[in-house]
Amino acid sequence: MGRVQDKIALVTGGGTGIGCAIAQRLSDEGAQVIITDRNTQTGEAVASAYDSIEFLEQDVRDQTRWQEVISHVTDRHGRLDILVNNAGILATEPSQGVEDTTLAHWRQLQENNS
């Protein structure tokens, strides 16, 4: 029995990287895990490898989709015990310095990572 046995966990950005590793560990520890990601291919691949992980497509910048995801979790599982708000992006332009980043790119980073 794991430390989070029978807990309901939501991990954003769970299709790859740190979010995927967190989701897998939570699952291994006994949690029922819902992962979200913008990339449906990677999210579905993670979920298909684990009986206790399900995938929902989500762009965390979309407030309406947040409401839909939370409604899905509470309707299906009755509660949410753990939220890992992992989704985020790095600076993707050639220059990653604040002085050289365009306003549009800065806004994209802040919108996604807030």
PDB file of N, CA and C in Angstrom:
ATOM      1  N   MET A   1       0.850  -1.184   0.000  1.00  0.00           N
ATOM      2  CA  MET A   1       0.000   0.000   0.000  1.00  0.00           C
ATOM      3  C   MET A   1       0.889   1.238   0.000  1.00  0.00           C
ATOM      4  N   GLY A   2       0.594   2.193  -0.873  1.00  0.00           N
ATOM      5  CA  GLY A   2       1.393   3.397  -0.996  1.00  0.00           C
ATOM      6  C   GLY A   2       0.900   4.531  -0.129  1.00  0.00           C
ATOM      7  N   ARG A   3       1.684   5.570  -0.130  1.00  0.00           N
ATOM      8  CA  ARG A   3       1.373   6.752   0.694  1.00  0.00           C
ATOM      9  C   ARG A   3       0.133   7.496   0.224  1.00  0.00           C
ATOM     10  N   VAL A   4      -0.205   7.333  -1.039  1.00  0.00           N
ATOM     11  CA  VAL A   4      -1.367   8.043  -1.580  1.00  0.00           C
ATOM     12  C   VAL A   4      -2.442   7.061  -2.040  1.00  0.00           C
ATOM     13  N   GLN A   5      -2.468   5.923  -1.418  1.00  0.00           N
ATOM     14  CA  GLN A   5      -3.431   4.881  -1.764  1.00  0.00           C
ATOM     15  C   GLN A   5      -4.854   5.438  -1.801  1.00  0.00           C
ATOM     16  N   ASP A   6      -5.535   5.191  -2.905  1.00  0.00           N
ATOM     17  CA  ASP A   6      -6.942   5.569  -3.106  1.00  0.00           C
ATOM     18  C   ASP A   6      -7.193   7.075  -3.166  1.00  0.00           C
ATOM     19  N   LYS A   7      -6.155   7.870  -3.326  1.00  0.00           N
ATOM     20  CA  LYS A   7      -6.327   9.313  -3.534  1.00  0.00           C
ATOM     21  C   LYS A   7      -6.592   9.563  -5.012  1.00  0.00           C
ATOM     22  N   ILE A   8      -7.258  10.674  -5.300  1.00  0.00           N
ATOM     23  CA  ILE A   8      -7.521  11.094  -6.674  1.00  0.00           C
ATOM     24  C   ILE A   8      -6.583  12.256  -6.975  1.00  0.00           C
ATOM     25  N   ALA A   9      -5.742  12.078  -8.002  1.00  0.00           N
ATOM     26  CA  ALA A   9      -4.727  13.082  -8.328  1.00  0.00           C
ATOM     27  C   ALA A   9      -4.909  13.580  -9.757  1.00  0.00           C
ATOM     28  N   LEU A  10      -4.690  14.868  -9.947  1.00  0.00           N
ATOM     29  CA  LEU A  10      -4.703  15.495 -11.261  1.00  0.00           C
ATOM     30  C   LEU A  10      -3.325  16.086 -11.502  1.00  0.00           C
ATOM     31  N   VAL A  11      -2.699  15.696 -12.618  1.00  0.00           N
ATOM     32  CA  VAL A  11      -1.371  16.182 -12.968  1.00  0.00           C
ATOM     33  C   VAL A  11      -1.459  16.849 -14.337  1.00  0.00           C
ATOM     34  N   THR A  12      -1.260  18.170 -14.383  1.00  0.00           N
ATOM     35  CA  THR A  12      -1.239  18.862 -15.670  1.00  0.00           C
ATOM     36  C   THR A  12       0.138  18.667 -16.304  1.00  0.00           C
ATOM     37  N   GLY A  13       0.177  18.673 -17.622  1.00  0.00           N
ATOM     38  CA  GLY A  13       1.436  18.441 -18.310  1.00  0.00           C
ATOM     39  C   GLY A  13       1.958  17.040 -18.058  1.00  0.00           C
ATOM     40  N   GLY A  14       1.063  16.081 -17.948  1.00  0.00           N
ATOM     41  CA  GLY A  14       1.431  14.719 -17.584  1.00  0.00           C
ATOM     42  C   GLY A  14       1.828  13.821 -18.735  1.00  0.00           C
ATOM     43  N   GLY A  15       1.877  14.360 -19.942  1.00  0.00           N
ATOM     44  CA  GLY A  15       2.208  13.528 -21.098  1.00  0.00           C
ATOM     45  C   GLY A  15       3.688  13.251 -21.279  1.00  0.00           C
ATOM     46  N   THR A  16       4.533  14.075 -20.706  1.00  0.00           N
ATOM     47  CA  THR A  16       5.976  13.907 -20.865  1.00  0.00           C
ATOM     48  C   THR A  16       6.709  14.427 -19.638  1.00  0.00           C
ATOM     49  N   GLY A  17       7.982  14.153 -19.593  1.00  0.00           N
ATOM     50  CA  GLY A  17       8.886  14.760 -18.628  1.00  0.00           C
ATOM     51  C   GLY A  17       8.518  14.564 -17.175  1.00  0.00           C
ATOM     52  N   ILE A  18       8.688  15.634 -16.412  1.00  0.00           N
ATOM     53  CA  ILE A  18       8.460  15.594 -14.972  1.00  0.00           C
ATOM     54  C   ILE A  18       7.007  15.239 -14.655  1.00  0.00           C
ATOM     55  N   GLY A  19       6.062  15.802 -15.399  1.00  0.00           N
ATOM     56  CA  GLY A  19       4.648  15.491 -15.153  1.00  0.00           C
ATOM     57  C   GLY A  19       4.344  14.017 -15.345  1.00  0.00           C
ATOM     58  N   CYS A  20       4.928  13.418 -16.361  1.00  0.00           N
ATOM     59  CA  CYS A  20       4.746  11.992 -16.608  1.00  0.00           C
ATOM     60  C   CYS A  20       5.335  11.185 -15.454  1.00  0.00           C
ATOM     61  N   ALA A  21       6.534  11.536 -15.027  1.00  0.00           N
ATOM     62  CA  ALA A  21       7.183  10.818 -13.925  1.00  0.00           C
ATOM     63  C   ALA A  21       6.379  10.940 -12.628  1.00  0.00           C
ATOM     64  N   ILE A  22       5.840  12.126 -12.376  1.00  0.00           N
ATOM     65  CA  ILE A  22       5.005  12.324 -11.178  1.00  0.00           C
ATOM     66  C   ILE A  22       3.753  11.456 -11.259  1.00  0.00           C
ATOM     67  N   ALA A  23       3.106  11.449 -12.418  1.00  0.00           N
ATOM     68  CA  ALA A  23       1.891  10.646 -12.587  1.00  0.00           C
ATOM     69  C   ALA A  23       2.187   9.161 -12.383  1.00  0.00           C
ATOM     70  N   GLN A  24       3.275   8.693 -12.951  1.00  0.00           N
ATOM     71  CA  GLN A  24       3.641   7.288 -12.798  1.00  0.00           C
ATOM     72  C   GLN A  24       3.920   6.950 -11.331  1.00  0.00           C
ATOM     73  N   ARG A  25       4.624   7.823 -10.641  1.00  0.00           N
ATOM     74  CA  ARG A  25       4.930   7.567  -9.230  1.00  0.00           C
ATOM     75  C   ARG A  25       3.659   7.568  -8.380  1.00  0.00           C
ATOM     76  N   LEU A  26       2.779   8.530  -8.629  1.00  0.00           N
ATOM     77  CA  LEU A  26       1.507   8.557  -7.903  1.00  0.00           C
ATOM     78  C   LEU A  26       0.720   7.263  -8.136  1.00  0.00           C
ATOM     79  N   SER A  27       0.702   6.819  -9.378  1.00  0.00           N
ATOM     80  CA  SER A  27       0.024   5.573  -9.712  1.00  0.00           C
ATOM     81  C   SER A  27       0.667   4.393  -8.994  1.00  0.00           C
ATOM     82  N   ASP A  28       1.984   4.338  -9.022  1.00  0.00           N
ATOM     83  CA  ASP A  28       2.706   3.259  -8.338  1.00  0.00           C
ATOM     84  C   ASP A  28       2.437   3.256  -6.838  1.00  0.00           C
ATOM     85  N   GLU A  29       2.156   4.441  -6.287  1.00  0.00           N
ATOM     86  CA  GLU A  29       1.887   4.575  -4.853  1.00  0.00           C
ATOM     87  C   GLU A  29       0.412   4.359  -4.511  1.00  0.00           C
ATOM     88  N   GLY A  30      -0.411   4.042  -5.522  1.00  0.00           N
ATOM     89  CA  GLY A  30      -1.794   3.672  -5.250  1.00  0.00           C
ATOM     90  C   GLY A  30      -2.858   4.695  -5.579  1.00  0.00           C
ATOM     91  N   ALA A  31      -2.479   5.815  -6.165  1.00  0.00           N
ATOM     92  CA  ALA A  31      -3.463   6.847  -6.508  1.00  0.00           C
ATOM     93  C   ALA A  31      -4.147   6.534  -7.836  1.00  0.00           C
ATOM     94  N   GLN A  32      -5.355   7.042  -7.985  1.00  0.00           N
ATOM     95  CA  GLN A  32      -6.021   7.101  -9.278  1.00  0.00           C
ATOM     96  C   GLN A  32      -5.620   8.441  -9.871  1.00  0.00           C
ATOM     97  N   VAL A  33      -5.007   8.450 -11.052  1.00  0.00           N
ATOM     98  CA  VAL A  33      -4.394   9.650 -11.605  1.00  0.00           C
ATOM     99  C   VAL A  33      -5.079  10.058 -12.899  1.00  0.00           C
ATOM    100  N   ILE A  34      -5.357  11.344 -13.010  1.00  0.00           N
ATOM    101  CA  ILE A  34      -5.842  11.938 -14.241  1.00  0.00           C
ATOM    102  C   ILE A  34      -4.737  12.855 -14.722  1.00  0.00           C
ATOM    103  N   ILE A  35      -4.230  12.614 -15.926  1.00  0.00           N
ATOM    104  CA  ILE A  35      -3.234  13.516 -16.493  1.00  0.00           C
ATOM    105  C   ILE A  35      -3.884  14.340 -17.581  1.00  0.00           C
ATOM    106  N   THR A  36      -3.406  15.573 -17.722  1.00  0.00           N
ATOM    107  CA  THR A  36      -3.847  16.412 -18.824  1.00  0.00           C
ATOM    108  C   THR A  36      -2.618  16.891 -19.577  1.00  0.00           C
ATOM    109  N   ASP A  37      -2.822  17.181 -20.845  1.00  0.00           N
ATOM    110  CA  ASP A  37      -1.737  17.679 -21.683  1.00  0.00           C
ATOM    111  C   ASP A  37      -2.351  18.211 -22.971  1.00  0.00           C
ATOM    112  N   ARG A  38      -1.632  19.115 -23.627  1.00  0.00           N
ATOM    113  CA  ARG A  38      -2.078  19.588 -24.943  1.00  0.00           C
ATOM    114  C   ARG A  38      -1.823  18.538 -26.013  1.00  0.00           C
ATOM    115  N   ASN A  39      -0.805  17.723 -25.808  1.00  0.00           N
ATOM    116  CA  ASN A  39      -0.419  16.705 -26.783  1.00  0.00           C
ATOM    117  C   ASN A  39      -1.188  15.417 -26.501  1.00  0.00           C
ATOM    118  N   THR A  40      -2.207  15.148 -27.307  1.00  0.00           N
ATOM    119  CA  THR A  40      -3.041  13.971 -27.060  1.00  0.00           C
ATOM    120  C   THR A  40      -2.282  12.673 -27.299  1.00  0.00           C
ATOM    121  N   GLN A  41      -1.366  12.670 -28.229  1.00  0.00           N
ATOM    122  CA  GLN A  41      -0.630  11.441 -28.538  1.00  0.00           C
ATOM    123  C   GLN A  41       0.195  10.973 -27.337  1.00  0.00           C
ATOM    124  N   THR A  42       0.953  11.880 -26.726  1.00  0.00           N
ATOM    125  CA  THR A  42       1.775  11.472 -25.587  1.00  0.00           C
ATOM    126  C   THR A  42       0.907  11.193 -24.354  1.00  0.00           C
ATOM    127  N   GLY A  43      -0.137  11.978 -24.160  1.00  0.00           N
ATOM    128  CA  GLY A  43      -1.022  11.751 -23.020  1.00  0.00           C
ATOM    129  C   GLY A  43      -1.710  10.408 -23.087  1.00  0.00           C
ATOM    130  N   GLU A  44      -2.210  10.064 -24.254  1.00  0.00           N
ATOM    131  CA  GLU A  44      -2.879   8.779 -24.417  1.00  0.00           C
ATOM    132  C   GLU A  44      -1.896   7.619 -24.262  1.00  0.00           C
ATOM    133  N   ALA A  45      -0.658   7.809 -24.708  1.00  0.00           N
ATOM    134  CA  ALA A  45       0.354   6.750 -24.569  1.00  0.00           C
ATOM    135  C   ALA A  45       0.661   6.466 -23.102  1.00  0.00           C
ATOM    136  N   VAL A  46       0.783   7.517 -22.305  1.00  0.00           N
ATOM    137  CA  VAL A  46       1.040   7.337 -20.873  1.00  0.00           C
ATOM    138  C   VAL A  46      -0.141   6.625 -20.227  1.00  0.00           C
ATOM    139  N   ALA A  47      -1.341   7.099 -20.513  1.00  0.00           N
ATOM    140  CA  ALA A  47      -2.540   6.520 -19.890  1.00  0.00           C
ATOM    141  C   ALA A  47      -2.739   5.061 -20.297  1.00  0.00           C
ATOM    142  N   SER A  48      -2.413   4.724 -21.527  1.00  0.00           N
ATOM    143  CA  SER A  48      -2.631   3.346 -21.977  1.00  0.00           C
ATOM    144  C   SER A  48      -1.675   2.360 -21.310  1.00  0.00           C
ATOM    145  N   ALA A  49      -0.589   2.854 -20.754  1.00  0.00           N
ATOM    146  CA  ALA A  49       0.388   1.974 -20.103  1.00  0.00           C
ATOM    147  C   ALA A  49       0.034   1.665 -18.644  1.00  0.00           C
ATOM    148  N   TYR A  50      -0.954   2.369 -18.091  1.00  0.00           N
ATOM    149  CA  TYR A  50      -1.319   2.214 -16.676  1.00  0.00           C
ATOM    150  C   TYR A  50      -2.834   2.110 -16.541  1.00  0.00           C
ATOM    151  N   ASP A  51      -3.293   1.133 -15.793  1.00  0.00           N
ATOM    152  CA  ASP A  51      -4.731   1.002 -15.537  1.00  0.00           C
ATOM    153  C   ASP A  51      -5.255   2.145 -14.681  1.00  0.00           C
ATOM    154  N   SER A  52      -4.408   2.722 -13.845  1.00  0.00           N
ATOM    155  CA  SER A  52      -4.852   3.739 -12.891  1.00  0.00           C
ATOM    156  C   SER A  52      -4.569   5.170 -13.354  1.00  0.00           C
ATOM    157  N   ILE A  53      -4.252   5.337 -14.651  1.00  0.00           N
ATOM    158  CA  ILE A  53      -4.045   6.684 -15.196  1.00  0.00           C
ATOM    159  C   ILE A  53      -5.002   6.883 -16.358  1.00  0.00           C
ATOM    160  N   GLU A  54      -5.718   8.002 -16.321  1.00  0.00           N
ATOM    161  CA  GLU A  54      -6.560   8.365 -17.455  1.00  0.00           C
ATOM    162  C   GLU A  54      -6.099   9.706 -18.002  1.00  0.00           C
ATOM    163  N   PHE A  55      -6.394   9.946 -19.268  1.00  0.00           N
ATOM    164  CA  PHE A  55      -5.928  11.157 -19.942  1.00  0.00           C
ATOM    165  C   PHE A  55      -7.093  12.024 -20.378  1.00  0.00           C
ATOM    166  N   LEU A  56      -6.922  13.339 -20.191  1.00  0.00           N
ATOM    167  CA  LEU A  56      -7.837  14.341 -20.739  1.00  0.00           C
ATOM    168  C   LEU A  56      -7.006  15.390 -21.468  1.00  0.00           C
ATOM    169  N   GLU A  57      -7.443  15.767 -22.647  1.00  0.00           N
ATOM    170  CA  GLU A  57      -6.755  16.835 -23.379  1.00  0.00           C
ATOM    171  C   GLU A  57      -7.053  18.154 -22.683  1.00  0.00           C
ATOM    172  N   GLN A  58      -6.020  18.966 -22.484  1.00  0.00           N
ATOM    173  CA  GLN A  58      -6.215  20.271 -21.850  1.00  0.00           C
ATOM    174  C   GLN A  58      -5.065  21.212 -22.185  1.00  0.00           C
ATOM    175  N   ASP A  59      -5.426  22.421 -22.541  1.00  0.00           N
ATOM    176  CA  ASP A  59      -4.481  23.533 -22.613  1.00  0.00           C
ATOM    177  C   ASP A  59      -4.762  24.358 -21.362  1.00  0.00           C
ATOM    178  N   VAL A  60      -3.794  24.441 -20.459  1.00  0.00           N
ATOM    179  CA  VAL A  60      -4.032  25.085 -19.164  1.00  0.00           C
ATOM    180  C   VAL A  60      -4.343  26.570 -19.286  1.00  0.00           C
ATOM    181  N   ARG A  61      -4.118  27.150 -20.457  1.00  0.00           N
ATOM    182  CA  ARG A  61      -4.451  28.563 -20.660  1.00  0.00           C
ATOM    183  C   ARG A  61      -5.939  28.781 -20.882  1.00  0.00           C
ATOM    184  N   ASP A  62      -6.683  27.719 -21.103  1.00  0.00           N
ATOM    185  CA  ASP A  62      -8.112  27.792 -21.421  1.00  0.00           C
ATOM    186  C   ASP A  62      -8.949  27.622 -20.145  1.00  0.00           C
ATOM    187  N   GLN A  63      -9.491  28.710 -19.651  1.00  0.00           N
ATOM    188  CA  GLN A  63     -10.254  28.687 -18.397  1.00  0.00           C
ATOM    189  C   GLN A  63     -11.484  27.790 -18.491  1.00  0.00           C
ATOM    190  N   THR A  64     -12.157  27.805 -19.609  1.00  0.00           N
ATOM    191  CA  THR A  64     -13.336  26.961 -19.780  1.00  0.00           C
ATOM    192  C   THR A  64     -12.955  25.486 -19.688  1.00  0.00           C
ATOM    193  N   ARG A  65     -11.830  25.125 -20.286  1.00  0.00           N
ATOM    194  CA  ARG A  65     -11.399  23.727 -20.233  1.00  0.00           C
ATOM    195  C   ARG A  65     -11.044  23.318 -18.802  1.00  0.00           C
ATOM    196  N   TRP A  66     -10.481  24.248 -18.015  1.00  0.00           N
ATOM    197  CA  TRP A  66     -10.225  23.956 -16.597  1.00  0.00           C
ATOM    198  C   TRP A  66     -11.521  23.539 -15.905  1.00  0.00           C
ATOM    199  N   GLN A  67     -12.581  24.291 -16.143  1.00  0.00           N
ATOM    200  CA  GLN A  67     -13.866  23.989 -15.519  1.00  0.00           C
ATOM    201  C   GLN A  67     -14.372  22.619 -15.957  1.00  0.00           C
ATOM    202  N   GLU A  68     -14.195  22.304 -17.231  1.00  0.00           N
ATOM    203  CA  GLU A  68     -14.628  21.003 -17.746  1.00  0.00           C
ATOM    204  C   GLU A  68     -13.818  19.863 -17.128  1.00  0.00           C
ATOM    205  N   VAL A  69     -12.512  20.055 -16.998  1.00  0.00           N
ATOM    206  CA  VAL A  69     -11.654  19.023 -16.415  1.00  0.00           C
ATOM    207  C   VAL A  69     -12.038  18.772 -14.960  1.00  0.00           C
ATOM    208  N   ILE A  70     -12.191  19.845 -14.188  1.00  0.00           N
ATOM    209  CA  ILE A  70     -12.555  19.686 -12.775  1.00  0.00           C
ATOM    210  C   ILE A  70     -13.936  19.040 -12.647  1.00  0.00           C
ATOM    211  N   SER A  71     -14.874  19.423 -13.495  1.00  0.00           N
ATOM    212  CA  SER A  71     -16.201  18.789 -13.470  1.00  0.00           C
ATOM    213  C   SER A  71     -16.100  17.304 -13.777  1.00  0.00           C
ATOM    214  N   HIS A  72     -15.283  16.951 -14.754  1.00  0.00           N
ATOM    215  CA  HIS A  72     -15.086  15.541 -15.094  1.00  0.00           C
ATOM    216  C   HIS A  72     -14.533  14.769 -13.888  1.00  0.00           C
ATOM    217  N   VAL A  73     -13.519  15.320 -13.260  1.00  0.00           N
ATOM    218  CA  VAL A  73     -12.887  14.650 -12.118  1.00  0.00           C
ATOM    219  C   VAL A  73     -13.886  14.460 -10.985  1.00  0.00           C
ATOM    220  N   THR A  74     -14.606  15.500 -10.642  1.00  0.00           N
ATOM    221  CA  THR A  74     -15.539  15.389  -9.516  1.00  0.00           C
ATOM    222  C   THR A  74     -16.758  14.537  -9.873  1.00  0.00           C
ATOM    223  N   ASP A  75     -17.233  14.607 -11.107  1.00  0.00           N
ATOM    224  CA  ASP A  75     -18.363  13.772 -11.519  1.00  0.00           C
ATOM    225  C   ASP A  75     -17.977  12.292 -11.523  1.00  0.00           C
ATOM    226  N   ARG A  76     -16.795  12.003 -12.009  1.00  0.00           N
ATOM    227  CA  ARG A  76     -16.365  10.606 -12.137  1.00  0.00           C
ATOM    228  C   ARG A  76     -15.812  10.022 -10.834  1.00  0.00           C
ATOM    229  N   HIS A  77     -15.099  10.841 -10.067  1.00  0.00           N
ATOM    230  CA  HIS A  77     -14.394  10.330  -8.888  1.00  0.00           C
ATOM    231  C   HIS A  77     -14.925  10.884  -7.564  1.00  0.00           C
ATOM    232  N   GLY A  78     -15.780  11.896  -7.637  1.00  0.00           N
ATOM    233  CA  GLY A  78     -16.392  12.432  -6.436  1.00  0.00           C
ATOM    234  C   GLY A  78     -15.572  13.460  -5.678  1.00  0.00           C
ATOM    235  N   ARG A  79     -14.295  13.579  -6.013  1.00  0.00           N
ATOM    236  CA  ARG A  79     -13.433  14.518  -5.280  1.00  0.00           C
ATOM    237  C   ARG A  79     -12.101  14.647  -6.017  1.00  0.00           C
ATOM    238  N   LEU A  80     -11.315  15.595  -5.567  1.00  0.00           N
ATOM    239  CA  LEU A  80      -9.929  15.746  -6.024  1.00  0.00           C
ATOM    240  C   LEU A  80      -9.081  15.932  -4.776  1.00  0.00           C
ATOM    241  N   ASP A  81      -8.130  15.021  -4.563  1.00  0.00           N
ATOM    242  CA  ASP A  81      -7.285  15.069  -3.374  1.00  0.00           C
ATOM    243  C   ASP A  81      -5.948  15.753  -3.625  1.00  0.00           C
ATOM    244  N   ILE A  82      -5.415  15.594  -4.823  1.00  0.00           N
ATOM    245  CA  ILE A  82      -4.066  16.079  -5.129  1.00  0.00           C
ATOM    246  C   ILE A  82      -4.090  16.794  -6.474  1.00  0.00           C
ATOM    247  N   LEU A  83      -3.531  17.995  -6.509  1.00  0.00           N
ATOM    248  CA  LEU A  83      -3.333  18.712  -7.762  1.00  0.00           C
ATOM    249  C   LEU A  83      -1.852  18.992  -7.919  1.00  0.00           C
ATOM    250  N   VAL A  84      -1.282  18.533  -9.033  1.00  0.00           N
ATOM    251  CA  VAL A  84       0.096  18.861  -9.392  1.00  0.00           C
ATOM    252  C   VAL A  84      -0.001  19.720 -10.642  1.00  0.00           C
ATOM    253  N   ASN A  85       0.121  21.021 -10.462  1.00  0.00           N
ATOM    254  CA  ASN A  85      -0.018  21.973 -11.556  1.00  0.00           C
ATOM    255  C   ASN A  85       1.343  22.123 -12.233  1.00  0.00           C
ATOM    256  N   ASN A  86       1.700  21.106 -12.981  1.00  0.00           N
ATOM    257  CA  ASN A  86       3.025  20.955 -13.549  1.00  0.00           C
ATOM    258  C   ASN A  86       3.204  21.596 -14.929  1.00  0.00           C
ATOM    259  N   ALA A  87       2.139  21.754 -15.696  1.00  0.00           N
ATOM    260  CA  ALA A  87       2.271  22.216 -17.078  1.00  0.00           C
ATOM    261  C   ALA A  87       3.005  23.544 -17.143  1.00  0.00           C
ATOM    262  N   GLY A  88       3.895  23.636 -18.095  1.00  0.00           N
ATOM    263  CA  GLY A  88       4.645  24.871 -18.274  1.00  0.00           C
ATOM    264  C   GLY A  88       5.504  24.786 -19.517  1.00  0.00           C
ATOM    265  N   ILE A  89       5.978  25.925 -19.951  1.00  0.00           N
ATOM    266  CA  ILE A  89       6.855  25.968 -21.112  1.00  0.00           C
ATOM    267  C   ILE A  89       8.078  26.809 -20.782  1.00  0.00           C
ATOM    268  N   LEU A  90       9.126  26.588 -21.548  1.00  0.00           N
ATOM    269  CA  LEU A  90      10.346  27.382 -21.441  1.00  0.00           C
ATOM    270  C   LEU A  90      10.358  28.418 -22.546  1.00  0.00           C
ATOM    271  N   ALA A  91      11.249  29.357 -22.401  1.00  0.00           N
ATOM    272  CA  ALA A  91      11.464  30.301 -23.492  1.00  0.00           C
ATOM    273  C   ALA A  91      11.907  29.506 -24.713  1.00  0.00           C
ATOM    274  N   THR A  92      11.298  29.771 -25.845  1.00  0.00           N
ATOM    275  CA  THR A  92      11.575  28.981 -27.045  1.00  0.00           C
ATOM    276  C   THR A  92      12.221  29.793 -28.156  1.00  0.00           C
ATOM    277  N   GLU A  93      12.405  31.063 -27.945  1.00  0.00           N
ATOM    278  CA  GLU A  93      13.043  31.889 -28.965  1.00  0.00           C
ATOM    279  C   GLU A  93      14.554  31.799 -28.800  1.00  0.00           C
ATOM    280  N   PRO A  94      15.294  32.149 -29.853  1.00  0.00           N
ATOM    281  CA  PRO A  94      16.758  32.027 -29.787  1.00  0.00           C
ATOM    282  C   PRO A  94      17.371  32.731 -28.579  1.00  0.00           C
ATOM    283  N   SER A  95      16.926  33.912 -28.287  1.00  0.00           N
ATOM    284  CA  SER A  95      17.422  34.610 -27.110  1.00  0.00           C
ATOM    285  C   SER A  95      16.429  34.408 -25.978  1.00  0.00           C
ATOM    286  N   GLN A  96      16.921  33.967 -24.835  1.00  0.00           N
ATOM    287  CA  GLN A  96      16.040  33.730 -23.711  1.00  0.00           C
ATOM    288  C   GLN A  96      16.209  34.773 -22.624  1.00  0.00           C
ATOM    289  N   GLY A  97      16.947  35.818 -22.932  1.00  0.00           N
ATOM    290  CA  GLY A  97      17.115  36.893 -21.974  1.00  0.00           C
ATOM    291  C   GLY A  97      15.888  37.780 -21.932  1.00  0.00           C
ATOM    292  N   VAL A  98      15.557  38.287 -20.776  1.00  0.00           N
ATOM    293  CA  VAL A  98      14.391  39.150 -20.605  1.00  0.00           C
ATOM    294  C   VAL A  98      14.509  40.385 -21.493  1.00  0.00           C
ATOM    295  N   GLU A  99      15.709  40.902 -21.614  1.00  0.00           N
ATOM    296  CA  GLU A  99      15.912  42.124 -22.408  1.00  0.00           C
ATOM    297  C   GLU A  99      15.619  41.923 -23.885  1.00  0.00           C
ATOM    298  N   ASP A 100      15.792  40.685 -24.386  1.00  0.00           N
ATOM    299  CA  ASP A 100      15.661  40.425 -25.814  1.00  0.00           C
ATOM    300  C   ASP A 100      14.370  39.713 -26.209  1.00  0.00           C
ATOM    301  N   THR A 101      13.584  39.295 -25.243  1.00  0.00           N
ATOM    302  CA  THR A 101      12.360  38.552 -25.526  1.00  0.00           C
ATOM    303  C   THR A 101      11.280  39.510 -26.021  1.00  0.00           C
ATOM    304  N   THR A 102      10.563  39.082 -27.062  1.00  0.00           N
ATOM    305  CA  THR A 102       9.485  39.932 -27.570  1.00  0.00           C
ATOM    306  C   THR A 102       8.340  39.971 -26.558  1.00  0.00           C
ATOM    307  N   LEU A 103       7.549  41.018 -26.627  1.00  0.00           N
ATOM    308  CA  LEU A 103       6.408  41.139 -25.730  1.00  0.00           C
ATOM    309  C   LEU A 103       5.425  39.989 -25.935  1.00  0.00           C
ATOM    310  N   ALA A 104       5.197  39.622 -27.193  1.00  0.00           N
ATOM    311  CA  ALA A 104       4.267  38.522 -27.468  1.00  0.00           C
ATOM    312  C   ALA A 104       4.756  37.224 -26.847  1.00  0.00           C
ATOM    313  N   HIS A 105       6.047  36.950 -26.962  1.00  0.00           N
ATOM    314  CA  HIS A 105       6.591  35.724 -26.388  1.00  0.00           C
ATOM    315  C   HIS A 105       6.550  35.780 -24.862  1.00  0.00           C
ATOM    316  N   TRP A 106       6.860  36.915 -24.293  1.00  0.00           N
ATOM    317  CA  TRP A 106       6.791  37.083 -22.837  1.00  0.00           C
ATOM    318  C   TRP A 106       5.371  36.816 -22.329  1.00  0.00           C
ATOM    319  N   ARG A 107       4.404  37.345 -23.032  1.00  0.00           N
ATOM    320  CA  ARG A 107       3.003  37.139 -22.636  1.00  0.00           C
ATOM    321  C   ARG A 107       2.618  35.656 -22.750  1.00  0.00           C
ATOM    322  N   GLN A 108       3.094  34.979 -23.795  1.00  0.00           N
ATOM    323  CA  GLN A 108       2.810  33.556 -23.953  1.00  0.00           C
ATOM    324  C   GLN A 108       3.392  32.767 -22.776  1.00  0.00           C
ATOM    325  N   LEU A 109       4.612  33.055 -22.391  1.00  0.00           N
ATOM    326  CA  LEU A 109       5.233  32.378 -21.258  1.00  0.00           C
ATOM    327  C   LEU A 109       4.446  32.614 -19.985  1.00  0.00           C
ATOM    328  N   GLN A 110       4.076  33.853 -19.732  1.00  0.00           N
ATOM    329  CA  GLN A 110       3.351  34.178 -18.501  1.00  0.00           C
ATOM    330  C   GLN A 110       1.961  33.573 -18.474  1.00  0.00           C
ATOM    331  N   GLU A 111       1.286  33.587 -19.621  1.00  0.00           N
ATOM    332  CA  GLU A 111      -0.061  33.015 -19.693  1.00  0.00           C
ATOM    333  C   GLU A 111      -0.030  31.524 -19.415  1.00  0.00           C
ATOM    334  N   ASN A 112       0.956  30.850 -19.967  1.00  0.00           N
ATOM    335  CA  ASN A 112       1.041  29.407 -19.818  1.00  0.00           C
ATOM    336  C   ASN A 112       1.530  28.997 -18.431  1.00  0.00           C
ATOM    337  N   ASN A 113       2.467  29.723 -17.877  1.00  0.00           N
ATOM    338  CA  ASN A 113       3.128  29.310 -16.638  1.00  0.00           C
ATOM    339  C   ASN A 113       2.538  29.916 -15.379  1.00  0.00           C
ATOM    340  N   SER A 114       1.514  30.731 -15.518  1.00  0.00           N
ATOM    341  CA  SER A 114       0.912  31.374 -14.332  1.00  0.00           C
ATOM    342  C   SER A 114      -0.004  30.434 -13.606  1.00  0.00           C
TER     343      SER A 114
END
